[in-house]
Amino acid sequence: MDEQPDRVTDATPRELPEELAPPSPGELPGELAPAKPTPAGEERVEHTPTRASGFWAADVAGVVVLVVLLVFILENTKQVSVTLFGASWRVPLGVSLLLAAAIGALVVV
């Protein structure tokens, strides 16, 4: 069996026109660019928000609002007379103002 000699190819790289050159990292859609180097001794950590972190943030905001409302009610304890559609009763001022705000919010929505 006759051995065929290997073909010799041109091993020198040729310059491609710019439109045919391969894209650099980060140019293709969905491709991530290389990470930026961090200073020596520091570790790069990326934080992405999760549903649990959003839940905790909403809980903390809700607790803050409730504390503010509680302080508002406790500081406005003077009894006032409220009359609505012929019914009349005496309630603390803070409670009556919060009820008025709640009823107003329901009317707007």
C-alpha atoms as a PDB file:
ATOM      1  CA  MET A   1       0.000   0.000   0.000  1.00  0.00           C
ATOM      2  CA  ASP A   2       1.363   3.331  -1.027  1.00  0.00           C
ATOM      3  CA  GLU A   3       1.606   6.025   1.578  1.00  0.00           C
ATOM      4  CA  GLN A   4       0.482   9.418   0.376  1.00  0.00           C
ATOM      5  CA  PRO A   5       2.494  12.326   1.643  1.00  0.00           C
ATOM      6  CA  ASP A   6       0.674  14.764   3.921  1.00  0.00           C
ATOM      7  CA  ARG A   7      -0.364  17.963   2.287  1.00  0.00           C
ATOM      8  CA  VAL A   8       1.528  20.958   3.450  1.00  0.00           C
ATOM      9  CA  THR A   9      -0.757  23.821   4.341  1.00  0.00           C
ATOM     10  CA  ASP A  10       0.078  27.425   4.783  1.00  0.00           C
ATOM     11  CA  ALA A  11       0.677  27.709   8.538  1.00  0.00           C
ATOM     12  CA  THR A  12       1.026  31.471   8.581  1.00  0.00           C
ATOM     13  CA  PRO A  13      -2.127  33.238   9.849  1.00  0.00           C
ATOM     14  CA  ARG A  14      -3.800  35.609   7.459  1.00  0.00           C
ATOM     15  CA  GLU A  15      -5.615  38.763   8.416  1.00  0.00           C
ATOM     16  CA  LEU A  16      -9.374  38.536   7.904  1.00  0.00           C
ATOM     17  CA  PRO A  17     -11.455  41.512   6.851  1.00  0.00           C
ATOM     18  CA  GLU A  18     -13.162  43.166   9.828  1.00  0.00           C
ATOM     19  CA  GLU A  19     -16.630  41.894   8.896  1.00  0.00           C
ATOM     20  CA  LEU A  20     -15.333  38.300   8.859  1.00  0.00           C
ATOM     21  CA  ALA A  21     -13.250  38.528  12.017  1.00  0.00           C
ATOM     22  CA  PRO A  22     -14.586  36.610  15.032  1.00  0.00           C
ATOM     23  CA  PRO A  23     -16.414  38.784  17.566  1.00  0.00           C
ATOM     24  CA  SER A  24     -14.632  39.788  20.717  1.00  0.00           C
ATOM     25  CA  PRO A  25     -15.984  38.513  24.068  1.00  0.00           C
ATOM     26  CA  GLY A  26     -19.194  40.248  25.132  1.00  0.00           C
ATOM     27  CA  GLU A  27     -20.286  41.233  21.608  1.00  0.00           C
ATOM     28  CA  LEU A  28     -22.687  38.345  20.956  1.00  0.00           C
ATOM     29  CA  PRO A  29     -26.171  38.495  22.479  1.00  0.00           C
ATOM     30  CA  GLY A  30     -26.334  36.428  25.649  1.00  0.00           C
ATOM     31  CA  GLU A  31     -22.567  36.204  25.912  1.00  0.00           C
ATOM     32  CA  LEU A  32     -20.995  37.521  29.082  1.00  0.00           C
ATOM     33  CA  ALA A  33     -18.043  39.839  28.955  1.00  0.00           C
ATOM     34  CA  PRO A  34     -15.012  38.735  30.935  1.00  0.00           C
ATOM     35  CA  ALA A  35     -15.109  39.722  34.588  1.00  0.00           C
ATOM     36  CA  LYS A  36     -13.218  42.821  35.605  1.00  0.00           C
ATOM     37  CA  PRO A  37     -10.166  42.071  37.708  1.00  0.00           C
ATOM     38  CA  THR A  38     -10.557  42.737  41.408  1.00  0.00           C
ATOM     39  CA  PRO A  39      -7.883  44.266  43.614  1.00  0.00           C
ATOM     40  CA  ALA A  40      -5.499  41.795  45.196  1.00  0.00           C
ATOM     41  CA  GLY A  41      -6.914  40.067  48.245  1.00  0.00           C
ATOM     42  CA  GLU A  42     -10.562  40.940  47.506  1.00  0.00           C
ATOM     43  CA  GLU A  43     -13.107  38.443  46.343  1.00  0.00           C
ATOM     44  CA  ARG A  44     -15.749  39.505  43.831  1.00  0.00           C
ATOM     45  CA  VAL A  45     -19.256  38.564  44.953  1.00  0.00           C
ATOM     46  CA  GLU A  46     -22.367  39.408  42.965  1.00  0.00           C
ATOM     47  CA  HIS A  47     -25.658  39.672  44.828  1.00  0.00           C
ATOM     48  CA  THR A  48     -28.950  39.069  43.093  1.00  0.00           C
ATOM     49  CA  PRO A  49     -32.221  39.785  44.899  1.00  0.00           C
ATOM     50  CA  THR A  50     -34.428  36.804  45.668  1.00  0.00           C
ATOM     51  CA  ARG A  51     -38.105  36.452  46.497  1.00  0.00           C
ATOM     52  CA  ALA A  52     -37.212  35.860  50.124  1.00  0.00           C
ATOM     53  CA  SER A  53     -35.213  39.091  50.326  1.00  0.00           C
ATOM     54  CA  GLY A  54     -38.147  40.984  48.806  1.00  0.00           C
ATOM     55  CA  PHE A  55     -40.474  39.369  51.326  1.00  0.00           C
ATOM     56  CA  TRP A  56     -38.261  40.403  54.237  1.00  0.00           C
ATOM     57  CA  ALA A  57     -37.968  43.948  52.928  1.00  0.00           C
ATOM     58  CA  ALA A  58     -41.768  44.176  52.645  1.00  0.00           C
ATOM     59  CA  ASP A  59     -42.149  42.751  56.172  1.00  0.00           C
ATOM     60  CA  VAL A  60     -39.749  45.300  57.643  1.00  0.00           C
ATOM     61  CA  ALA A  61     -41.535  48.149  55.831  1.00  0.00           C
ATOM     62  CA  GLY A  62     -44.902  46.866  57.075  1.00  0.00           C
ATOM     63  CA  VAL A  63     -43.702  46.674  60.671  1.00  0.00           C
ATOM     64  CA  VAL A  64     -42.340  50.235  60.465  1.00  0.00           C
ATOM     65  CA  VAL A  65     -45.693  51.500  59.145  1.00  0.00           C
ATOM     66  CA  LEU A  66     -47.590  49.664  61.907  1.00  0.00           C
ATOM     67  CA  VAL A  67     -45.332  51.115  64.608  1.00  0.00           C
ATOM     68  CA  VAL A  68     -45.842  54.630  63.217  1.00  0.00           C
ATOM     69  CA  LEU A  69     -49.636  54.102  63.177  1.00  0.00           C
ATOM     70  CA  LEU A  70     -49.597  52.763  66.718  1.00  0.00           C
ATOM     71  CA  VAL A  71     -47.628  55.788  67.944  1.00  0.00           C
ATOM     72  CA  PHE A  72     -50.078  58.069  66.098  1.00  0.00           C
ATOM     73  CA  ILE A  73     -53.086  56.444  67.775  1.00  0.00           C
ATOM     74  CA  LEU A  74     -51.477  56.447  71.238  1.00  0.00           C
ATOM     75  CA  GLU A  75     -50.574  60.144  70.968  1.00  0.00           C
ATOM     76  CA  ASN A  76     -54.097  61.129  69.866  1.00  0.00           C
ATOM     77  CA  THR A  77     -56.240  59.576  72.587  1.00  0.00           C
ATOM     78  CA  LYS A  78     -58.589  62.523  73.137  1.00  0.00           C
ATOM     79  CA  GLN A  79     -62.194  61.306  72.767  1.00  0.00           C
ATOM     80  CA  VAL A  80     -64.168  62.933  69.942  1.00  0.00           C
ATOM     81  CA  SER A  81     -67.758  62.527  68.814  1.00  0.00           C
ATOM     82  CA  VAL A  82     -68.149  61.110  65.305  1.00  0.00           C
ATOM     83  CA  THR A  83     -71.452  61.162  63.434  1.00  0.00           C
ATOM     84  CA  LEU A  84     -71.868  59.201  60.212  1.00  0.00           C
ATOM     85  CA  PHE A  85     -75.230  58.662  58.460  1.00  0.00           C
ATOM     86  CA  GLY A  86     -77.148  59.452  61.626  1.00  0.00           C
ATOM     87  CA  ALA A  87     -75.099  57.152  63.846  1.00  0.00           C
ATOM     88  CA  SER A  88     -72.998  58.834  66.515  1.00  0.00           C
ATOM     89  CA  TRP A  89     -70.280  57.447  68.739  1.00  0.00           C
ATOM     90  CA  ARG A  90     -67.233  58.555  70.696  1.00  0.00           C
ATOM     91  CA  VAL A  91     -63.809  57.271  69.677  1.00  0.00           C
ATOM     92  CA  PRO A  92     -60.208  58.428  70.135  1.00  0.00           C
ATOM     93  CA  LEU A  93     -59.119  61.120  67.682  1.00  0.00           C
ATOM     94  CA  GLY A  94     -56.337  58.956  66.183  1.00  0.00           C
ATOM     95  CA  VAL A  95     -58.745  56.109  65.458  1.00  0.00           C
ATOM     96  CA  SER A  96     -61.298  58.435  63.850  1.00  0.00           C
ATOM     97  CA  LEU A  97     -58.644  60.012  61.618  1.00  0.00           C
ATOM     98  CA  LEU A  98     -57.349  56.626  60.509  1.00  0.00           C
ATOM     99  CA  LEU A  99     -60.905  55.448  59.783  1.00  0.00           C
ATOM    100  CA  ALA A 100     -61.522  58.581  57.735  1.00  0.00           C
ATOM    101  CA  ALA A 101     -58.301  57.955  55.779  1.00  0.00           C
ATOM    102  CA  ALA A 102     -59.261  54.311  55.175  1.00  0.00           C
ATOM    103  CA  ILE A 103     -62.763  55.245  53.994  1.00  0.00           C
ATOM    104  CA  GLY A 104     -61.259  57.907  51.726  1.00  0.00           C
ATOM    105  CA  ALA A 105     -58.847  55.377  50.244  1.00  0.00           C
ATOM    106  CA  LEU A 106     -61.732  52.975  49.545  1.00  0.00           C
ATOM    107  CA  VAL A 107     -63.676  55.748  47.795  1.00  0.00           C
ATOM    108  CA  VAL A 108     -60.691  56.613  45.591  1.00  0.00           C
ATOM    109  CA  VAL A 109     -60.012  52.999  44.629  1.00  0.00           C
END
